[in-house]
Amino acid sequence: MISRSEFNEYVNHKQYDYIEQYKVTNAIILAAGKSKRFKPISDYCPKGLSIVKGEVLVERQIKQLQAAGITDITLVVGYKKEMFFYLEDKYNVKIVVNEQYDTQDNVSSLRLVLDRLDNTYICSVDNYYPENLFNAYEYRGFYSTIYVENNTDEWIVTTDEYGYINDVTIGAPSGHIMLGFVYFDRQFSENFRQVILDVEGIDEYNHHVWEYLYMKHLDRLKLEIKEFDKTSILEFDTLDDAIYYDKDFLANNVKDSQG
């Protein structure tokens, strides 16, 4: 394995033949949930298909991935799944349907795409990136973070001497919170598949986000953090989040405008 500085040097000089094993293979966008905190918009339109500053939320993310050279994109859908199907033709993405979206959390979505995990970006449909943060090559698996103070209920991570996440605490007062996309490198994907198989039948994991499974197996699932400025990654967790960022959000997402 080359060092990180060597990797950066190859990237800077566009000497991609030397770093082919670090090339991002594909991306998976998780978009199956009902987004209950996005009512009343989500009653008739999935959050990922809402319009933010003139763009369909999931389309923006797809276009950013494609601009970075990542063309193998899988969208896992569930709630109002048919509304997403047009994306197959428009952007040549693959659609996987999670029929358990209403009874299990998003770990069930990842179970459906275990065979697609490689050097893979794992994205959430409710994230918004003012600037494109995706790359064609990544050195090592990571979880995107931003630093916050006066935290209340976000997931704070700490790292060990090697830079790997070694603890996750919910509601710590300040620190790096898990926010935005995740990168599974090839080794992480292999380990993640094995962990998923090992917990098969343990119902506890079906009712939490996949990060819950991850934090319970930090000894086997190694990710670094990749810190971004807090303005670089936005999350529209609630309707108020979207309205705060886009003053025209409600006007552009009334039912009539969705057809």
C-alpha atoms as a PDB file:
ATOM      1  CA  MET A   1       0.000   0.000   0.000  1.00  0.00           C
ATOM      2  CA  ILE A   2       1.263   3.444  -0.835  1.00  0.00           C
ATOM      3  CA  SER A   3       1.340   6.223   1.748  1.00  0.00           C
ATOM      4  CA  ARG A   4      -1.310   8.913   1.864  1.00  0.00           C
ATOM      5  CA  SER A   5       1.206  11.530   0.746  1.00  0.00           C
ATOM      6  CA  GLU A   6       2.145   9.364  -2.247  1.00  0.00           C
ATOM      7  CA  PHE A   7      -1.535   8.914  -3.057  1.00  0.00           C
ATOM      8  CA  ASN A   8      -2.104  12.665  -2.951  1.00  0.00           C
ATOM      9  CA  GLU A   9       0.932  13.222  -5.150  1.00  0.00           C
ATOM     10  CA  TYR A  10      -0.370  10.797  -7.774  1.00  0.00           C
ATOM     11  CA  VAL A  11      -3.789  12.478  -7.694  1.00  0.00           C
ATOM     12  CA  ASN A  12      -2.299  15.952  -7.980  1.00  0.00           C
ATOM     13  CA  HIS A  13      -0.250  14.911 -10.995  1.00  0.00           C
ATOM     14  CA  LYS A  14      -3.109  12.865 -12.472  1.00  0.00           C
ATOM     15  CA  GLN A  15      -0.965   9.724 -12.463  1.00  0.00           C
ATOM     16  CA  TYR A  16      -4.002   7.519 -12.102  1.00  0.00           C
ATOM     17  CA  ASP A  17      -2.366   4.314 -13.354  1.00  0.00           C
ATOM     18  CA  TYR A  18      -0.555   4.097 -10.006  1.00  0.00           C
ATOM     19  CA  ILE A  19      -3.720   4.325  -7.904  1.00  0.00           C
ATOM     20  CA  GLU A  20      -6.212   2.222  -9.837  1.00  0.00           C
ATOM     21  CA  GLN A  21      -7.023   0.175  -6.717  1.00  0.00           C
ATOM     22  CA  TYR A  22      -8.205   3.387  -5.028  1.00  0.00           C
ATOM     23  CA  LYS A  23     -10.715   4.272  -7.721  1.00  0.00           C
ATOM     24  CA  VAL A  24     -14.283   4.719  -6.488  1.00  0.00           C
ATOM     25  CA  THR A  25     -16.311   1.957  -8.115  1.00  0.00           C
ATOM     26  CA  ASN A  26     -19.878   3.041  -7.476  1.00  0.00           C
ATOM     27  CA  ALA A  27     -22.355   4.831  -5.239  1.00  0.00           C
ATOM     28  CA  ILE A  28     -25.497   3.805  -3.388  1.00  0.00           C
ATOM     29  CA  ILE A  29     -28.104   6.405  -2.426  1.00  0.00           C
ATOM     30  CA  LEU A  30     -30.493   5.423   0.372  1.00  0.00           C
ATOM     31  CA  ALA A  31     -33.945   6.855  -0.327  1.00  0.00           C
ATOM     32  CA  ALA A  32     -36.492   4.350   0.964  1.00  0.00           C
ATOM     33  CA  GLY A  33     -37.828   6.059   4.090  1.00  0.00           C
ATOM     34  CA  LYS A  34     -41.149   7.854   4.641  1.00  0.00           C
ATOM     35  CA  SER A  35     -39.564  11.044   6.052  1.00  0.00           C
ATOM     36  CA  LYS A  36     -42.255  11.573   8.668  1.00  0.00           C
ATOM     37  CA  ARG A  37     -40.620  14.792   9.872  1.00  0.00           C
ATOM     38  CA  PHE A  38     -41.064  16.226   6.385  1.00  0.00           C
ATOM     39  CA  LYS A  39     -44.847  16.340   6.542  1.00  0.00           C
ATOM     40  CA  PRO A  40     -46.991  17.579   4.877  1.00  0.00           C
ATOM     41  CA  ILE A  41     -44.648  17.549   1.851  1.00  0.00           C
ATOM     42  CA  SER A  42     -43.790  13.886   2.331  1.00  0.00           C
ATOM     43  CA  ASP A  43     -47.473  12.930   2.334  1.00  0.00           C
ATOM     44  CA  TYR A  44     -47.458  13.276  -1.439  1.00  0.00           C
ATOM     45  CA  CYS A  45     -43.783  13.614  -2.393  1.00  0.00           C
ATOM     46  CA  PRO A  46     -40.765  11.642  -1.096  1.00  0.00           C
ATOM     47  CA  LYS A  47     -38.148  13.917   0.444  1.00  0.00           C
ATOM     48  CA  GLY A  48     -35.608  13.017  -2.224  1.00  0.00           C
ATOM     49  CA  LEU A  49     -37.893  14.349  -4.945  1.00  0.00           C
ATOM     50  CA  SER A  50     -38.569  17.670  -3.268  1.00  0.00           C
ATOM     51  CA  ILE A  51     -37.206  20.801  -4.918  1.00  0.00           C
ATOM     52  CA  VAL A  52     -34.440  22.766  -3.207  1.00  0.00           C
ATOM     53  CA  LYS A  53     -33.347  26.019  -4.845  1.00  0.00           C
ATOM     54  CA  GLY A  54     -34.739  24.917  -8.164  1.00  0.00           C
ATOM     55  CA  GLU A  55     -33.284  21.394  -8.211  1.00  0.00           C
ATOM     56  CA  VAL A  56     -34.736  18.017  -7.325  1.00  0.00           C
ATOM     57  CA  LEU A  57     -32.770  16.959  -4.254  1.00  0.00           C
ATOM     58  CA  VAL A  58     -31.755  13.469  -5.391  1.00  0.00           C
ATOM     59  CA  GLU A  59     -31.045  14.644  -8.934  1.00  0.00           C
ATOM     60  CA  ARG A  60     -28.502  17.140  -7.629  1.00  0.00           C
ATOM     61  CA  GLN A  61     -26.647  14.370  -5.806  1.00  0.00           C
ATOM     62  CA  ILE A  62     -26.746  12.075  -8.840  1.00  0.00           C
ATOM     63  CA  LYS A  63     -25.331  14.823 -11.057  1.00  0.00           C
ATOM     64  CA  GLN A  64     -22.551  15.574  -8.576  1.00  0.00           C
ATOM     65  CA  LEU A  65     -21.552  11.910  -8.465  1.00  0.00           C
ATOM     66  CA  GLN A  66     -21.557  11.682 -12.230  1.00  0.00           C
ATOM     67  CA  ALA A  67     -19.499  14.871 -12.513  1.00  0.00           C
ATOM     68  CA  ALA A  68     -16.863  13.169 -10.340  1.00  0.00           C
ATOM     69  CA  GLY A  69     -16.780  10.238 -12.763  1.00  0.00           C
ATOM     70  CA  ILE A  70     -18.993   7.880 -10.754  1.00  0.00           C
ATOM     71  CA  THR A  71     -21.561   6.548 -13.192  1.00  0.00           C
ATOM     72  CA  ASP A  72     -22.539   3.272 -11.488  1.00  0.00           C
ATOM     73  CA  ILE A  73     -25.212   4.577  -9.126  1.00  0.00           C
ATOM     74  CA  THR A  74     -27.854   2.539  -7.311  1.00  0.00           C
ATOM     75  CA  LEU A  75     -30.877   4.138  -5.685  1.00  0.00           C
ATOM     76  CA  VAL A  76     -32.634   2.113  -2.963  1.00  0.00           C
ATOM     77  CA  VAL A  77     -36.262   3.212  -2.767  1.00  0.00           C
ATOM     78  CA  GLY A  78     -39.384   2.142  -0.888  1.00  0.00           C
ATOM     79  CA  TYR A  79     -41.952   4.783   0.028  1.00  0.00           C
ATOM     80  CA  LYS A  80     -43.767   5.978  -3.119  1.00  0.00           C
ATOM     81  CA  LYS A  81     -41.204   4.008  -5.094  1.00  0.00           C
ATOM     82  CA  GLU A  82     -42.877   4.537  -8.482  1.00  0.00           C
ATOM     83  CA  MET A  83     -42.153   8.253  -8.310  1.00  0.00           C
ATOM     84  CA  PHE A  84     -38.413   7.521  -8.525  1.00  0.00           C
ATOM     85  CA  PHE A  85     -38.559   5.213 -11.534  1.00  0.00           C
ATOM     86  CA  TYR A  86     -38.089   8.006 -14.091  1.00  0.00           C
ATOM     87  CA  LEU A  87     -34.521   8.390 -12.846  1.00  0.00           C
ATOM     88  CA  GLU A  88     -33.540   5.098 -14.489  1.00  0.00           C
ATOM     89  CA  ASP A  89     -34.001   6.565 -17.945  1.00  0.00           C
ATOM     90  CA  LYS A  90     -33.048  10.143 -17.147  1.00  0.00           C
ATOM     91  CA  TYR A  91     -29.727   9.368 -15.434  1.00  0.00           C
ATOM     92  CA  ASN A  92     -29.132   5.674 -16.166  1.00  0.00           C
ATOM     93  CA  VAL A  93     -29.216   4.786 -12.471  1.00  0.00           C
ATOM     94  CA  LYS A  94     -30.217   1.404 -11.090  1.00  0.00           C
ATOM     95  CA  ILE A  95     -33.267   1.113  -8.847  1.00  0.00           C
ATOM     96  CA  VAL A  96     -33.570  -1.405  -6.005  1.00  0.00           C
ATOM     97  CA  VAL A  97     -36.880  -1.595  -4.119  1.00  0.00           C
ATOM     98  CA  ASN A  98     -36.955  -2.145  -0.364  1.00  0.00           C
ATOM     99  CA  GLU A  99     -40.401  -3.500   0.448  1.00  0.00           C
ATOM    100  CA  GLN A 100     -39.617  -3.423   4.181  1.00  0.00           C
ATOM    101  CA  TYR A 101     -39.117   0.344   4.329  1.00  0.00           C
ATOM    102  CA  ASP A 102     -42.112   0.786   6.658  1.00  0.00           C
ATOM    103  CA  THR A 103     -41.195  -1.947   9.166  1.00  0.00           C
ATOM    104  CA  GLN A 104     -37.385  -1.831   9.262  1.00  0.00           C
ATOM    105  CA  ASP A 105     -34.765   0.906   9.216  1.00  0.00           C
ATOM    106  CA  ASN A 106     -32.193   1.488   6.488  1.00  0.00           C
ATOM    107  CA  VAL A 107     -29.987  -1.446   7.427  1.00  0.00           C
ATOM    108  CA  SER A 108     -32.549  -3.425   5.417  1.00  0.00           C
ATOM    109  CA  SER A 109     -31.738  -1.271   2.387  1.00  0.00           C
ATOM    110  CA  LEU A 110     -28.044  -2.095   2.647  1.00  0.00           C
ATOM    111  CA  ARG A 111     -28.838  -5.798   2.941  1.00  0.00           C
ATOM    112  CA  LEU A 112     -30.349  -5.588  -0.534  1.00  0.00           C
ATOM    113  CA  VAL A 113     -27.141  -4.262  -2.087  1.00  0.00           C
ATOM    114  CA  LEU A 114     -24.446  -6.232  -0.274  1.00  0.00           C
ATOM    115  CA  ASP A 115     -23.250  -7.654  -3.576  1.00  0.00           C
ATOM    116  CA  ARG A 116     -22.647  -4.113  -4.881  1.00  0.00           C
ATOM    117  CA  LEU A 117     -20.420  -2.967  -2.043  1.00  0.00           C
ATOM    118  CA  ASP A 118     -16.864  -2.394  -3.206  1.00  0.00           C
ATOM    119  CA  ASN A 119     -15.072   0.972  -3.221  1.00  0.00           C
ATOM    120  CA  THR A 120     -18.456   2.537  -2.670  1.00  0.00           C
ATOM    121  CA  TYR A 121     -19.949   5.840  -1.607  1.00  0.00           C
ATOM    122  CA  ILE A 122     -22.957   5.392   0.672  1.00  0.00           C
ATOM    123  CA  CYS A 123     -25.167   8.471   0.381  1.00  0.00           C
ATOM    124  CA  SER A 124     -28.332   9.664   2.047  1.00  0.00           C
ATOM    125  CA  VAL A 125     -31.035  11.272  -0.032  1.00  0.00           C
ATOM    126  CA  ASP A 126     -31.555  14.095   2.474  1.00  0.00           C
ATOM    127  CA  ASN A 127     -28.037  15.527   2.247  1.00  0.00           C
ATOM    128  CA  TYR A 128     -27.232  18.588   0.185  1.00  0.00           C
ATOM    129  CA  TYR A 129     -23.762  19.684  -0.876  1.00  0.00           C
ATOM    130  CA  PRO A 130     -23.435  23.326  -2.016  1.00  0.00           C
ATOM    131  CA  GLU A 131     -20.149  22.306  -3.688  1.00  0.00           C
ATOM    132  CA  ASN A 132     -19.329  18.897  -5.131  1.00  0.00           C
ATOM    133  CA  LEU A 133     -17.373  16.909  -2.509  1.00  0.00           C
ATOM    134  CA  PHE A 134     -17.123  13.612  -4.382  1.00  0.00           C
ATOM    135  CA  ASN A 135     -13.864  12.330  -5.866  1.00  0.00           C
ATOM    136  CA  ALA A 136     -12.939   9.727  -8.446  1.00  0.00           C
ATOM    137  CA  TYR A 137     -10.314   8.286  -6.061  1.00  0.00           C
ATOM    138  CA  GLU A 138     -10.278   7.903  -2.285  1.00  0.00           C
ATOM    139  CA  TYR A 139      -7.417   6.704  -0.118  1.00  0.00           C
ATOM    140  CA  ARG A 140      -9.289   4.925   2.672  1.00  0.00           C
ATOM    141  CA  GLY A 141     -12.775   4.333   4.031  1.00  0.00           C
ATOM    142  CA  PHE A 142     -14.228   7.250   5.990  1.00  0.00           C
ATOM    143  CA  TYR A 143     -17.293   8.870   7.474  1.00  0.00           C
ATOM    144  CA  SER A 144     -17.768  12.562   6.691  1.00  0.00           C
ATOM    145  CA  THR A 145     -17.881  14.792   9.757  1.00  0.00           C
ATOM    146  CA  ILE A 146     -18.217  18.414  10.770  1.00  0.00           C
ATOM    147  CA  TYR A 147     -17.172  19.914  14.084  1.00  0.00           C
ATOM    148  CA  VAL A 148     -19.921  21.301  16.303  1.00  0.00           C
ATOM    149  CA  GLU A 149     -20.224  22.857  19.728  1.00  0.00           C
ATOM    150  CA  ASN A 150     -23.242  22.933  22.062  1.00  0.00           C
ATOM    151  CA  ASN A 151     -24.381  19.633  20.617  1.00  0.00           C
ATOM    152  CA  THR A 152     -27.543  18.002  21.933  1.00  0.00           C
ATOM    153  CA  ASP A 153     -28.369  14.757  20.191  1.00  0.00           C
ATOM    154  CA  GLU A 154     -25.981  14.217  17.281  1.00  0.00           C
ATOM    155  CA  TRP A 155     -23.542  11.301  17.096  1.00  0.00           C
ATOM    156  CA  ILE A 156     -20.050  12.409  18.163  1.00  0.00           C
ATOM    157  CA  VAL A 157     -17.037  10.335  17.111  1.00  0.00           C
ATOM    158  CA  THR A 158     -13.510  10.096  18.455  1.00  0.00           C
ATOM    159  CA  THR A 159     -10.519   8.464  16.799  1.00  0.00           C
ATOM    160  CA  ASP A 160      -7.578   6.330  17.893  1.00  0.00           C
ATOM    161  CA  GLU A 161      -3.892   6.983  17.303  1.00  0.00           C
ATOM    162  CA  TYR A 162      -4.205   5.633  13.755  1.00  0.00           C
ATOM    163  CA  GLY A 163      -7.092   7.930  12.855  1.00  0.00           C
ATOM    164  CA  TYR A 164      -9.826   5.297  12.961  1.00  0.00           C
ATOM    165  CA  ILE A 165     -13.134   5.917  14.705  1.00  0.00           C
ATOM    166  CA  ASN A 166     -12.977   4.143  18.067  1.00  0.00           C
ATOM    167  CA  ASP A 167     -16.010   5.528  19.869  1.00  0.00           C
ATOM    168  CA  VAL A 168     -19.431   6.931  19.052  1.00  0.00           C
ATOM    169  CA  THR A 169     -21.333   8.912  21.692  1.00  0.00           C
ATOM    170  CA  ILE A 170     -24.817  10.278  21.235  1.00  0.00           C
ATOM    171  CA  GLY A 171     -25.249  13.757  22.670  1.00  0.00           C
ATOM    172  CA  ALA A 172     -21.697  14.664  23.704  1.00  0.00           C
ATOM    173  CA  PRO A 173     -21.307  18.445  24.187  1.00  0.00           C
ATOM    174  CA  SER A 174     -18.922  19.063  21.275  1.00  0.00           C
ATOM    175  CA  GLY A 175     -16.833  17.290  18.698  1.00  0.00           C
ATOM    176  CA  HIS A 176     -16.974  15.751  15.252  1.00  0.00           C
ATOM    177  CA  ILE A 177     -20.485  14.639  14.303  1.00  0.00           C
ATOM    178  CA  MET A 178     -21.249  12.023  11.673  1.00  0.00           C
ATOM    179  CA  LEU A 179     -22.877  13.910   8.815  1.00  0.00           C
ATOM    180  CA  GLY A 180     -22.986  13.343   5.091  1.00  0.00           C
ATOM    181  CA  PHE A 181     -21.739  10.595   2.844  1.00  0.00           C
ATOM    182  CA  VAL A 182     -19.639   7.605   3.831  1.00  0.00           C
ATOM    183  CA  TYR A 183     -16.971   5.845   1.829  1.00  0.00           C
ATOM    184  CA  PHE A 184     -16.662   2.071   2.106  1.00  0.00           C
ATOM    185  CA  ASP A 185     -13.293   0.955   0.796  1.00  0.00           C
ATOM    186  CA  ARG A 186     -12.958  -2.603  -0.459  1.00  0.00           C
ATOM    187  CA  GLN A 187     -11.762  -4.037   2.856  1.00  0.00           C
ATOM    188  CA  PHE A 188     -14.502  -2.306   4.828  1.00  0.00           C
ATOM    189  CA  SER A 189     -17.128  -3.604   2.392  1.00  0.00           C
ATOM    190  CA  GLU A 190     -15.895  -7.152   2.853  1.00  0.00           C
ATOM    191  CA  ASN A 191     -15.997  -6.830   6.639  1.00  0.00           C
ATOM    192  CA  PHE A 192     -19.395  -5.132   6.561  1.00  0.00           C
ATOM    193  CA  ARG A 193     -20.898  -7.958   4.517  1.00  0.00           C
ATOM    194  CA  GLN A 194     -19.636 -10.447   7.073  1.00  0.00           C
ATOM    195  CA  VAL A 195     -21.030  -8.481  10.009  1.00  0.00           C
ATOM    196  CA  ILE A 196     -24.427  -8.234   8.304  1.00  0.00           C
ATOM    197  CA  LEU A 197     -24.446 -11.998   7.839  1.00  0.00           C
ATOM    198  CA  ASP A 198     -23.366 -12.569  11.440  1.00  0.00           C
ATOM    199  CA  VAL A 199     -26.274 -10.536  12.855  1.00  0.00           C
ATOM    200  CA  GLU A 200     -28.881 -12.045  10.554  1.00  0.00           C
ATOM    201  CA  GLY A 201     -31.963 -12.804  12.627  1.00  0.00           C
ATOM    202  CA  ILE A 202     -31.073 -10.403  15.459  1.00  0.00           C
ATOM    203  CA  ASP A 203     -34.105  -8.135  15.347  1.00  0.00           C
ATOM    204  CA  GLU A 204     -32.434  -5.353  17.355  1.00  0.00           C
ATOM    205  CA  TYR A 205     -30.554  -4.204  14.261  1.00  0.00           C
ATOM    206  CA  ASN A 206     -33.616  -4.023  12.047  1.00  0.00           C
ATOM    207  CA  HIS A 207     -35.053  -1.049  13.895  1.00  0.00           C
ATOM    208  CA  HIS A 208     -32.042   1.247  13.885  1.00  0.00           C
ATOM    209  CA  VAL A 209     -30.099   3.062  11.189  1.00  0.00           C
ATOM    210  CA  TRP A 210     -27.154   1.113   9.797  1.00  0.00           C
ATOM    211  CA  GLU A 211     -24.757   3.275  11.817  1.00  0.00           C
ATOM    212  CA  TYR A 212     -26.084   1.603  14.953  1.00  0.00           C
ATOM    213  CA  LEU A 213     -24.794  -1.728  13.680  1.00  0.00           C
ATOM    214  CA  TYR A 214     -21.532  -0.029  12.764  1.00  0.00           C
ATOM    215  CA  MET A 215     -20.998   1.487  16.220  1.00  0.00           C
ATOM    216  CA  LYS A 216     -21.614  -1.906  17.818  1.00  0.00           C
ATOM    217  CA  HIS A 217     -18.808  -3.449  15.729  1.00  0.00           C
ATOM    218  CA  LEU A 218     -16.103  -0.787  15.671  1.00  0.00           C
ATOM    219  CA  ASP A 219     -13.477  -3.441  16.355  1.00  0.00           C
ATOM    220  CA  ARG A 220     -14.224  -5.032  12.970  1.00  0.00           C
ATOM    221  CA  LEU A 221     -15.408  -2.056  10.945  1.00  0.00           C
ATOM    222  CA  LYS A 222     -12.624   0.479  10.500  1.00  0.00           C
ATOM    223  CA  LEU A 223     -13.393   3.951   9.164  1.00  0.00           C
ATOM    224  CA  GLU A 224     -11.498   7.191   9.435  1.00  0.00           C
ATOM    225  CA  ILE A 225     -13.167  10.564   9.677  1.00  0.00           C
ATOM    226  CA  LYS A 226     -12.967  13.091   6.869  1.00  0.00           C
ATOM    227  CA  GLU A 227     -13.646  16.518   8.275  1.00  0.00           C
ATOM    228  CA  PHE A 228     -15.484  19.156   6.273  1.00  0.00           C
ATOM    229  CA  ASP A 229     -16.439  22.731   6.989  1.00  0.00           C
ATOM    230  CA  LYS A 230     -19.936  22.961   8.483  1.00  0.00           C
ATOM    231  CA  THR A 231     -21.185  24.904   5.456  1.00  0.00           C
ATOM    232  CA  SER A 232     -20.109  22.078   3.111  1.00  0.00           C
ATOM    233  CA  ILE A 233     -22.647  19.468   4.208  1.00  0.00           C
ATOM    234  CA  LEU A 234     -26.290  20.205   4.866  1.00  0.00           C
ATOM    235  CA  GLU A 235     -28.919  17.755   6.077  1.00  0.00           C
ATOM    236  CA  PHE A 236     -32.612  18.343   5.551  1.00  0.00           C
ATOM    237  CA  ASP A 237     -33.764  16.187   8.408  1.00  0.00           C
ATOM    238  CA  THR A 238     -36.944  18.182   9.004  1.00  0.00           C
ATOM    239  CA  LEU A 239     -39.140  20.493   6.988  1.00  0.00           C
ATOM    240  CA  ASP A 240     -37.807  23.437   8.987  1.00  0.00           C
ATOM    241  CA  ASP A 241     -34.248  22.578   7.878  1.00  0.00           C
ATOM    242  CA  ALA A 242     -35.256  22.881   4.229  1.00  0.00           C
ATOM    243  CA  ILE A 243     -37.223  26.095   4.748  1.00  0.00           C
ATOM    244  CA  TYR A 244     -34.317  27.671   6.626  1.00  0.00           C
ATOM    245  CA  TYR A 245     -31.998  27.015   3.670  1.00  0.00           C
ATOM    246  CA  ASP A 246     -34.480  27.787   0.892  1.00  0.00           C
ATOM    247  CA  LYS A 247     -37.071  30.461   1.668  1.00  0.00           C
ATOM    248  CA  ASP A 248     -39.081  29.373  -1.386  1.00  0.00           C
ATOM    249  CA  PHE A 249     -39.131  25.704  -0.415  1.00  0.00           C
ATOM    250  CA  LEU A 250     -42.818  25.529   0.516  1.00  0.00           C
ATOM    251  CA  ALA A 251     -43.898  27.532  -2.519  1.00  0.00           C
ATOM    252  CA  ASN A 252     -41.938  25.236  -4.838  1.00  0.00           C
ATOM    253  CA  ASN A 253     -43.177  22.035  -3.236  1.00  0.00           C
ATOM    254  CA  VAL A 254     -46.896  22.526  -2.902  1.00  0.00           C
ATOM    255  CA  LYS A 255     -48.900  19.601  -4.171  1.00  0.00           C
ATOM    256  CA  ASP A 256     -49.953  21.248  -7.433  1.00  0.00           C
ATOM    257  CA  SER A 257     -46.330  21.865  -8.420  1.00  0.00           C
ATOM    258  CA  GLN A 258     -45.602  18.155  -8.000  1.00  0.00           C
ATOM    259  CA  GLY A 259     -48.204  17.263 -10.592  1.00  0.00           C
END
